[in-house]
Amino acid sequence: SYLHLPSIHNRVGGDFLDAGADDAISSNTSNTSVFQ
């Protein structure tokens, strides 16, 4: 049941969630999850 714990590193489609905020952007120029 621990397997459902949140992870942090490059979790959202290969990116940090912070790349969906204003602290970073994804270096991947495709339509990534954090870009959305």
PDB file of all heavy atoms in Angstrom:
ATOM      1  N   SER A   1       0.818  -1.210   0.000  1.00  0.00           N
ATOM      2  CA  SER A   1       0.000   0.000   0.000  1.00  0.00           C
ATOM      3  C   SER A   1       0.852   1.260   0.000  1.00  0.00           C
ATOM      4  O   SER A   1       0.340   2.354  -0.246  1.00  0.00           O
ATOM      5  CB  SER A   1      -0.961   0.003   1.198  1.00  0.00           C
ATOM      6  OG  SER A   1      -0.257  -0.044   2.420  1.00  0.00           O
ATOM      7  N   TYR A   2       2.161   1.130   0.252  1.00  0.00           N
ATOM      8  CA  TYR A   2       3.078   2.266   0.157  1.00  0.00           C
ATOM      9  C   TYR A   2       3.337   2.654  -1.297  1.00  0.00           C
ATOM     10  O   TYR A   2       3.829   3.755  -1.571  1.00  0.00           O
ATOM     11  CB  TYR A   2       4.428   1.929   0.803  1.00  0.00           C
ATOM     12  CG  TYR A   2       4.477   2.027   2.308  1.00  0.00           C
ATOM     13  CD1 TYR A   2       3.796   1.129   3.118  1.00  0.00           C
ATOM     14  CD2 TYR A   2       5.248   3.003   2.929  1.00  0.00           C
ATOM     15  CE1 TYR A   2       3.854   1.198   4.497  1.00  0.00           C
ATOM     16  CE2 TYR A   2       5.325   3.085   4.310  1.00  0.00           C
ATOM     17  CZ  TYR A   2       4.625   2.180   5.091  1.00  0.00           C
ATOM     18  OH  TYR A   2       4.690   2.258   6.464  1.00  0.00           O
ATOM     19  N   LEU A   3       3.044   1.765  -2.225  1.00  0.00           N
ATOM     20  CA  LEU A   3       3.374   2.016  -3.624  1.00  0.00           C
ATOM     21  C   LEU A   3       2.589   3.181  -4.221  1.00  0.00           C
ATOM     22  O   LEU A   3       2.936   3.675  -5.294  1.00  0.00           O
ATOM     23  CB  LEU A   3       3.120   0.754  -4.454  1.00  0.00           C
ATOM     24  CG  LEU A   3       3.987  -0.455  -4.119  1.00  0.00           C
ATOM     25  CD1 LEU A   3       3.588  -1.644  -4.971  1.00  0.00           C
ATOM     26  CD2 LEU A   3       5.455  -0.134  -4.293  1.00  0.00           C
ATOM     27  N   HIS A   4       1.552   3.624  -3.532  1.00  0.00           N
ATOM     28  CA  HIS A   4       0.738   4.721  -4.045  1.00  0.00           C
ATOM     29  C   HIS A   4       1.186   6.068  -3.488  1.00  0.00           C
ATOM     30  O   HIS A   4       0.568   7.098  -3.795  1.00  0.00           O
ATOM     31  CB  HIS A   4      -0.729   4.470  -3.712  1.00  0.00           C
ATOM     32  CG  HIS A   4      -1.224   3.156  -4.238  1.00  0.00           C
ATOM     33  ND1 HIS A   4      -1.574   2.968  -5.563  1.00  0.00           N
ATOM     34  CD2 HIS A   4      -1.364   1.947  -3.635  1.00  0.00           C
ATOM     35  CE1 HIS A   4      -1.931   1.713  -5.737  1.00  0.00           C
ATOM     36  NE2 HIS A   4      -1.809   1.072  -4.598  1.00  0.00           N
ATOM     37  N   LEU A   5       2.251   6.077  -2.687  1.00  0.00           N
ATOM     38  CA  LEU A   5       2.769   7.331  -2.167  1.00  0.00           C
ATOM     39  C   LEU A   5       3.192   8.254  -3.311  1.00  0.00           C
ATOM     40  O   LEU A   5       3.656   7.791  -4.353  1.00  0.00           O
ATOM     41  CB  LEU A   5       3.970   7.076  -1.262  1.00  0.00           C
ATOM     42  CG  LEU A   5       3.677   6.561   0.144  1.00  0.00           C
ATOM     43  CD1 LEU A   5       4.965   6.145   0.836  1.00  0.00           C
ATOM     44  CD2 LEU A   5       2.951   7.624   0.968  1.00  0.00           C
ATOM     45  N   PRO A   6       3.058   9.555  -3.120  1.00  0.00           N
ATOM     46  CA  PRO A   6       3.498  10.482  -4.164  1.00  0.00           C
ATOM     47  C   PRO A   6       4.993  10.371  -4.407  1.00  0.00           C
ATOM     48  O   PRO A   6       5.773  10.100  -3.495  1.00  0.00           O
ATOM     49  CB  PRO A   6       3.151  11.858  -3.577  1.00  0.00           C
ATOM     50  CG  PRO A   6       2.157  11.589  -2.497  1.00  0.00           C
ATOM     51  CD  PRO A   6       2.479  10.235  -1.959  1.00  0.00           C
ATOM     52  N   SER A   7       5.387  10.559  -5.636  1.00  0.00           N
ATOM     53  CA  SER A   7       6.793  10.720  -5.988  1.00  0.00           C
ATOM     54  C   SER A   7       6.978  12.174  -6.410  1.00  0.00           C
ATOM     55  O   SER A   7       6.018  12.923  -6.546  1.00  0.00           O
ATOM     56  CB  SER A   7       7.198   9.754  -7.106  1.00  0.00           C
ATOM     57  OG  SER A   7       6.381   9.944  -8.238  1.00  0.00           O
ATOM     58  N   ILE A   8       8.210  12.587  -6.593  1.00  0.00           N
ATOM     59  CA  ILE A   8       8.484  13.997  -6.902  1.00  0.00           C
ATOM     60  C   ILE A   8       9.316  14.147  -8.166  1.00  0.00           C
ATOM     61  O   ILE A   8       9.012  14.957  -9.040  1.00  0.00           O
ATOM     62  CB  ILE A   8       9.211  14.680  -5.719  1.00  0.00           C
ATOM     63  CG1 ILE A   8       8.294  14.767  -4.494  1.00  0.00           C
ATOM     64  CG2 ILE A   8       9.672  16.084  -6.104  1.00  0.00           C
ATOM     65  CD1 ILE A   8       8.974  15.282  -3.252  1.00  0.00           C
ATOM     66  N   HIS A   9      10.356  13.330  -8.302  1.00  0.00           N
ATOM     67  CA  HIS A   9      11.337  13.556  -9.362  1.00  0.00           C
ATOM     68  C   HIS A   9      10.786  13.208 -10.740  1.00  0.00           C
ATOM     69  O   HIS A   9      10.431  12.061 -11.000  1.00  0.00           O
ATOM     70  CB  HIS A   9      12.599  12.726  -9.091  1.00  0.00           C
ATOM     71  CG  HIS A   9      13.117  12.880  -7.702  1.00  0.00           C
ATOM     72  ND1 HIS A   9      13.639  11.834  -6.973  1.00  0.00           N
ATOM     73  CD2 HIS A   9      13.190  13.962  -6.880  1.00  0.00           C
ATOM     74  CE1 HIS A   9      14.014  12.254  -5.786  1.00  0.00           C
ATOM     75  NE2 HIS A   9      13.750  13.544  -5.704  1.00  0.00           N
ATOM     76  N   ASN A  10      10.690  14.203 -11.604  1.00  0.00           N
ATOM     77  CA  ASN A  10      10.278  13.982 -12.999  1.00  0.00           C
ATOM     78  C   ASN A  10       9.034  13.113 -13.086  1.00  0.00           C
ATOM     79  O   ASN A  10       8.942  12.187 -13.884  1.00  0.00           O
ATOM     80  CB  ASN A  10      11.425  13.343 -13.785  1.00  0.00           C
ATOM     81  CG  ASN A  10      12.665  14.226 -13.806  1.00  0.00           C
ATOM     82  OD1 ASN A  10      13.547  14.100 -12.957  1.00  0.00           O
ATOM     83  ND2 ASN A  10      12.742  15.131 -14.764  1.00  0.00           N
ATOM     84  N   ARG A  11       8.052  13.455 -12.253  1.00  0.00           N
ATOM     85  CA  ARG A  11       6.874  12.608 -12.091  1.00  0.00           C
ATOM     86  C   ARG A  11       5.817  12.824 -13.159  1.00  0.00           C
ATOM     87  O   ARG A  11       5.140  11.883 -13.589  1.00  0.00           O
ATOM     88  CB  ARG A  11       6.261  12.875 -10.708  1.00  0.00           C
ATOM     89  CG  ARG A  11       4.989  12.069 -10.426  1.00  0.00           C
ATOM     90  CD  ARG A  11       4.422  12.402  -9.057  1.00  0.00           C
ATOM     91  NE  ARG A  11       3.945  13.769  -8.956  1.00  0.00           N
ATOM     92  CZ  ARG A  11       2.770  14.194  -9.410  1.00  0.00           C
ATOM     93  NH1 ARG A  11       1.945  13.348 -10.024  1.00  0.00           N
ATOM     94  NH2 ARG A  11       2.400  15.453  -9.269  1.00  0.00           N
ATOM     95  N   VAL A  12       5.626  14.053 -13.616  1.00  0.00           N
ATOM     96  CA  VAL A  12       4.493  14.367 -14.488  1.00  0.00           C
ATOM     97  C   VAL A  12       4.944  14.318 -15.947  1.00  0.00           C
ATOM     98  O   VAL A  12       5.506  15.270 -16.479  1.00  0.00           O
ATOM     99  CB  VAL A  12       3.904  15.751 -14.150  1.00  0.00           C
ATOM    100  CG1 VAL A  12       2.650  16.009 -14.970  1.00  0.00           C
ATOM    101  CG2 VAL A  12       3.599  15.847 -12.661  1.00  0.00           C
ATOM    102  N   GLY A  13       4.734  13.185 -16.575  1.00  0.00           N
ATOM    103  CA  GLY A  13       5.123  13.031 -17.972  1.00  0.00           C
ATOM    104  C   GLY A  13       6.603  13.206 -18.215  1.00  0.00           C
ATOM    105  O   GLY A  13       7.025  13.619 -19.294  1.00  0.00           O
ATOM    106  N   GLY A  14       7.423  12.899 -17.199  1.00  0.00           N
ATOM    107  CA  GLY A  14       8.863  13.029 -17.323  1.00  0.00           C
ATOM    108  C   GLY A  14       9.414  14.342 -16.797  1.00  0.00           C
ATOM    109  O   GLY A  14      10.627  14.564 -16.838  1.00  0.00           O
ATOM    110  N   ASP A  15       8.539  15.212 -16.291  1.00  0.00           N
ATOM    111  CA  ASP A  15       8.965  16.524 -15.797  1.00  0.00           C
ATOM    112  C   ASP A  15       8.632  16.683 -14.319  1.00  0.00           C
ATOM    113  O   ASP A  15       7.747  16.015 -13.775  1.00  0.00           O
ATOM    114  CB  ASP A  15       8.259  17.638 -16.578  1.00  0.00           C
ATOM    115  CG  ASP A  15       8.705  17.707 -18.024  1.00  0.00           C
ATOM    116  OD1 ASP A  15       9.875  18.012 -18.258  1.00  0.00           O
ATOM    117  OD2 ASP A  15       7.875  17.441 -18.917  1.00  0.00           O
ATOM    118  N   PHE A  16       9.318  17.632 -13.674  1.00  0.00           N
ATOM    119  CA  PHE A  16       8.927  18.066 -12.345  1.00  0.00           C
ATOM    120  C   PHE A  16       7.609  18.829 -12.443  1.00  0.00           C
ATOM    121  O   PHE A  16       7.361  19.557 -13.413  1.00  0.00           O
ATOM    122  CB  PHE A  16       9.988  19.001 -11.739  1.00  0.00           C
ATOM    123  CG  PHE A  16      11.235  18.309 -11.283  1.00  0.00           C
ATOM    124  CD1 PHE A  16      12.415  18.431 -12.005  1.00  0.00           C
ATOM    125  CD2 PHE A  16      11.248  17.549 -10.123  1.00  0.00           C
ATOM    126  CE1 PHE A  16      13.577  17.810 -11.588  1.00  0.00           C
ATOM    127  CE2 PHE A  16      12.403  16.924  -9.694  1.00  0.00           C
ATOM    128  CZ  PHE A  16      13.579  17.050 -10.424  1.00  0.00           C
ATOM    129  N   LEU A  17       6.761  18.694 -11.426  1.00  0.00           N
ATOM    130  CA  LEU A  17       5.510  19.446 -11.409  1.00  0.00           C
ATOM    131  C   LEU A  17       5.773  20.944 -11.435  1.00  0.00           C
ATOM    132  O   LEU A  17       4.958  21.712 -11.956  1.00  0.00           O
ATOM    133  CB  LEU A  17       4.696  19.081 -10.162  1.00  0.00           C
ATOM    134  CG  LEU A  17       3.351  19.784 -10.007  1.00  0.00           C
ATOM    135  CD1 LEU A  17       2.416  19.448 -11.166  1.00  0.00           C
ATOM    136  CD2 LEU A  17       2.702  19.435  -8.679  1.00  0.00           C
ATOM    137  N   ASP A  18       6.922  21.378 -10.922  1.00  0.00           N
ATOM    138  CA  ASP A  18       7.256  22.802 -10.921  1.00  0.00           C
ATOM    139  C   ASP A  18       7.332  23.371 -12.337  1.00  0.00           C
ATOM    140  O   ASP A  18       7.227  24.589 -12.528  1.00  0.00           O
ATOM    141  CB  ASP A  18       8.586  23.043 -10.208  1.00  0.00           C
ATOM    142  CG  ASP A  18       8.452  22.928  -8.699  1.00  0.00           C
ATOM    143  OD1 ASP A  18       7.829  21.953  -8.246  1.00  0.00           O
ATOM    144  OD2 ASP A  18       8.974  23.794  -7.976  1.00  0.00           O
ATOM    145  N   ALA A  19       7.527  22.508 -13.332  1.00  0.00           N
ATOM    146  CA  ALA A  19       7.517  22.971 -14.718  1.00  0.00           C
ATOM    147  C   ALA A  19       6.100  23.255 -15.196  1.00  0.00           C
ATOM    148  O   ALA A  19       5.905  23.785 -16.294  1.00  0.00           O
ATOM    149  CB  ALA A  19       8.178  21.940 -15.633  1.00  0.00           C
ATOM    150  N   GLY A  20       5.096  22.918 -14.377  1.00  0.00           N
ATOM    151  CA  GLY A  20       3.723  23.314 -14.642  1.00  0.00           C
ATOM    152  C   GLY A  20       3.350  24.569 -13.878  1.00  0.00           C
ATOM    153  O   GLY A  20       2.233  25.064 -13.991  1.00  0.00           O
ATOM    154  N   ALA A  21       4.302  25.061 -13.060  1.00  0.00           N
ATOM    155  CA  ALA A  21       4.141  26.330 -12.361  1.00  0.00           C
ATOM    156  C   ALA A  21       5.058  27.351 -13.039  1.00  0.00           C
ATOM    157  O   ALA A  21       5.324  27.260 -14.222  1.00  0.00           O
ATOM    158  CB  ALA A  21       4.461  26.145 -10.877  1.00  0.00           C
ATOM    159  N   ASP A  22       5.578  28.314 -12.264  1.00  0.00           N
ATOM    160  CA  ASP A  22       6.418  29.348 -12.867  1.00  0.00           C
ATOM    161  C   ASP A  22       7.885  29.215 -12.491  1.00  0.00           C
ATOM    162  O   ASP A  22       8.669  30.128 -12.741  1.00  0.00           O
ATOM    163  CB  ASP A  22       5.912  30.745 -12.493  1.00  0.00           C
ATOM    164  CG  ASP A  22       5.806  30.964 -10.988  1.00  0.00           C
ATOM    165  OD1 ASP A  22       5.974  29.982 -10.228  1.00  0.00           O
ATOM    166  OD2 ASP A  22       5.550  32.107 -10.572  1.00  0.00           O
ATOM    167  N   ASP A  23       8.264  28.081 -11.917  1.00  0.00           N
ATOM    168  CA  ASP A  23       9.659  27.877 -11.512  1.00  0.00           C
ATOM    169  C   ASP A  23      10.495  27.215 -12.599  1.00  0.00           C
ATOM    170  O   ASP A  23      11.722  27.200 -12.511  1.00  0.00           O
ATOM    171  CB  ASP A  23       9.732  27.033 -10.238  1.00  0.00           C
ATOM    172  CG  ASP A  23       9.444  27.852  -8.992  1.00  0.00           C
ATOM    173  OD1 ASP A  23       9.306  29.081  -9.117  1.00  0.00           O
ATOM    174  OD2 ASP A  23       9.343  27.268  -7.891  1.00  0.00           O
ATOM    175  N   ALA A  24       9.864  26.626 -13.593  1.00  0.00           N
ATOM    176  CA  ALA A  24      10.601  25.935 -14.651  1.00  0.00           C
ATOM    177  C   ALA A  24       9.680  25.730 -15.841  1.00  0.00           C
ATOM    178  O   ALA A  24       8.465  25.915 -15.752  1.00  0.00           O
ATOM    179  CB  ALA A  24      11.134  24.589 -14.145  1.00  0.00           C
ATOM    180  N   ILE A  25      10.278  25.336 -16.951  1.00  0.00           N
ATOM    181  CA  ILE A  25       9.525  24.826 -18.089  1.00  0.00           C
ATOM    182  C   ILE A  25      10.206  23.545 -18.537  1.00  0.00           C
ATOM    183  O   ILE A  25      11.377  23.307 -18.226  1.00  0.00           O
ATOM    184  CB  ILE A  25       9.451  25.827 -19.261  1.00  0.00           C
ATOM    185  CG1 ILE A  25      10.848  26.109 -19.825  1.00  0.00           C
ATOM    186  CG2 ILE A  25       8.747  27.107 -18.833  1.00  0.00           C
ATOM    187  CD1 ILE A  25      10.829  26.966 -21.080  1.00  0.00           C
ATOM    188  N   SER A  26       9.479  22.720 -19.253  1.00  0.00           N
ATOM    189  CA  SER A  26      10.076  21.506 -19.778  1.00  0.00           C
ATOM    190  C   SER A  26      10.983  21.845 -20.954  1.00  0.00           C
ATOM    191  O   SER A  26      10.646  22.675 -21.804  1.00  0.00           O
ATOM    192  CB  SER A  26       8.988  20.531 -20.233  1.00  0.00           C
ATOM    193  OG  SER A  26       9.563  19.386 -20.841  1.00  0.00           O
ATOM    194  N   SER A  27      12.134  21.197 -20.997  1.00  0.00           N
ATOM    195  CA  SER A  27      13.021  21.366 -22.149  1.00  0.00           C
ATOM    196  C   SER A  27      12.480  20.657 -23.381  1.00  0.00           C
ATOM    197  O   SER A  27      12.909  20.933 -24.502  1.00  0.00           O
ATOM    198  CB  SER A  27      14.418  20.840 -21.817  1.00  0.00           C
ATOM    199  OG  SER A  27      14.968  21.504 -20.704  1.00  0.00           O
ATOM    200  N   ASN A  28      11.557  19.735 -23.151  1.00  0.00           N
ATOM    201  CA  ASN A  28      10.907  19.037 -24.258  1.00  0.00           C
ATOM    202  C   ASN A  28       9.913  19.990 -24.913  1.00  0.00           C
ATOM    203  O   ASN A  28       9.007  20.503 -24.257  1.00  0.00           O
ATOM    204  CB  ASN A  28      10.189  17.793 -23.719  1.00  0.00           C
ATOM    205  CG  ASN A  28       9.652  16.895 -24.808  1.00  0.00           C
ATOM    206  OD1 ASN A  28       9.323  17.351 -25.894  1.00  0.00           O
ATOM    207  ND2 ASN A  28       9.544  15.612 -24.526  1.00  0.00           N
ATOM    208  N   THR A  29      10.059  20.220 -26.183  1.00  0.00           N
ATOM    209  CA  THR A  29       9.228  21.208 -26.868  1.00  0.00           C
ATOM    210  C   THR A  29       7.913  20.645 -27.390  1.00  0.00           C
ATOM    211  O   THR A  29       7.126  21.371 -27.994  1.00  0.00           O
ATOM    212  CB  THR A  29      10.005  21.820 -28.052  1.00  0.00           C
ATOM    213  OG1 THR A  29      10.432  20.767 -28.929  1.00  0.00           O
ATOM    214  CG2 THR A  29      11.211  22.600 -27.562  1.00  0.00           C
ATOM    215  N   SER A  30       7.657  19.352 -27.151  1.00  0.00           N
ATOM    216  CA  SER A  30       6.383  18.772 -27.581  1.00  0.00           C
ATOM    217  C   SER A  30       5.294  19.145 -26.578  1.00  0.00           C
ATOM    218  O   SER A  30       5.540  19.790 -25.557  1.00  0.00           O
ATOM    219  CB  SER A  30       6.505  17.255 -27.705  1.00  0.00           C
ATOM    220  OG  SER A  30       6.819  16.674 -26.451  1.00  0.00           O
ATOM    221  N   ASN A  31       4.082  18.708 -26.848  1.00  0.00           N
ATOM    222  CA  ASN A  31       2.936  19.049 -26.000  1.00  0.00           C
ATOM    223  C   ASN A  31       2.931  18.157 -24.759  1.00  0.00           C
ATOM    224  O   ASN A  31       2.146  17.225 -24.635  1.00  0.00           O
ATOM    225  CB  ASN A  31       1.637  18.875 -26.790  1.00  0.00           C
ATOM    226  CG  ASN A  31       0.429  19.383 -26.027  1.00  0.00           C
ATOM    227  OD1 ASN A  31       0.541  20.258 -25.173  1.00  0.00           O
ATOM    228  ND2 ASN A  31      -0.727  18.828 -26.337  1.00  0.00           N
ATOM    229  N   THR A  32       3.819  18.447 -23.819  1.00  0.00           N
ATOM    230  CA  THR A  32       3.985  17.612 -22.635  1.00  0.00           C
ATOM    231  C   THR A  32       2.874  17.864 -21.629  1.00  0.00           C
ATOM    232  O   THR A  32       2.127  18.843 -21.713  1.00  0.00           O
ATOM    233  CB  THR A  32       5.334  17.904 -21.970  1.00  0.00           C
ATOM    234  OG1 THR A  32       5.348  19.276 -21.553  1.00  0.00           O
ATOM    235  CG2 THR A  32       6.486  17.659 -22.930  1.00  0.00           C
ATOM    236  N   SER A  33       2.806  16.975 -20.628  1.00  0.00           N
ATOM    237  CA  SER A  33       1.785  17.107 -19.586  1.00  0.00           C
ATOM    238  C   SER A  33       1.930  18.419 -18.831  1.00  0.00           C
ATOM    239  O   SER A  33       0.939  19.121 -18.572  1.00  0.00           O
ATOM    240  CB  SER A  33       1.885  15.927 -18.619  1.00  0.00           C
ATOM    241  OG  SER A  33       1.620  14.704 -19.266  1.00  0.00           O
ATOM    242  N   VAL A  34       3.164  18.775 -18.447  1.00  0.00           N
ATOM    243  CA  VAL A  34       3.336  20.011 -17.683  1.00  0.00           C
ATOM    244  C   VAL A  34       3.104  21.245 -18.565  1.00  0.00           C
ATOM    245  O   VAL A  34       2.695  22.297 -18.060  1.00  0.00           O
ATOM    246  CB  VAL A  34       4.722  20.086 -17.007  1.00  0.00           C
ATOM    247  CG1 VAL A  34       4.849  19.060 -15.908  1.00  0.00           C
ATOM    248  CG2 VAL A  34       5.836  19.950 -18.001  1.00  0.00           C
ATOM    249  N   PHE A  35       3.359  21.133 -19.854  1.00  0.00           N
ATOM    250  CA  PHE A  35       3.025  22.240 -20.758  1.00  0.00           C
ATOM    251  C   PHE A  35       1.517  22.484 -20.741  1.00  0.00           C
ATOM    252  O   PHE A  35       1.051  23.632 -20.713  1.00  0.00           O
ATOM    253  CB  PHE A  35       3.499  21.928 -22.173  1.00  0.00           C
ATOM    254  CG  PHE A  35       3.122  22.972 -23.189  1.00  0.00           C
ATOM    255  CD1 PHE A  35       3.890  24.120 -23.328  1.00  0.00           C
ATOM    256  CD2 PHE A  35       2.000  22.823 -23.985  1.00  0.00           C
ATOM    257  CE1 PHE A  35       3.535  25.113 -24.250  1.00  0.00           C
ATOM    258  CE2 PHE A  35       1.641  23.797 -24.910  1.00  0.00           C
ATOM    259  CZ  PHE A  35       2.416  24.938 -25.043  1.00  0.00           C
ATOM    260  N   GLN A  36       0.745  21.410 -20.726  1.00  0.00           N
ATOM    261  CA  GLN A  36      -0.707  21.539 -20.656  1.00  0.00           C
ATOM    262  C   GLN A  36      -1.140  22.164 -19.338  1.00  0.00           C
ATOM    263  O   GLN A  36      -2.054  22.997 -19.295  1.00  0.00           O
ATOM    264  CB  GLN A  36      -1.359  20.172 -20.843  1.00  0.00           C
ATOM    265  CG  GLN A  36      -1.142  19.566 -22.221  1.00  0.00           C
ATOM    266  CD  GLN A  36      -1.558  18.105 -22.287  1.00  0.00           C
ATOM    267  OE1 GLN A  36      -2.392  17.662 -21.501  1.00  0.00           O
ATOM    268  NE2 GLN A  36      -0.988  17.367 -23.212  1.00  0.00           N
TER     269      GLN A  36
END
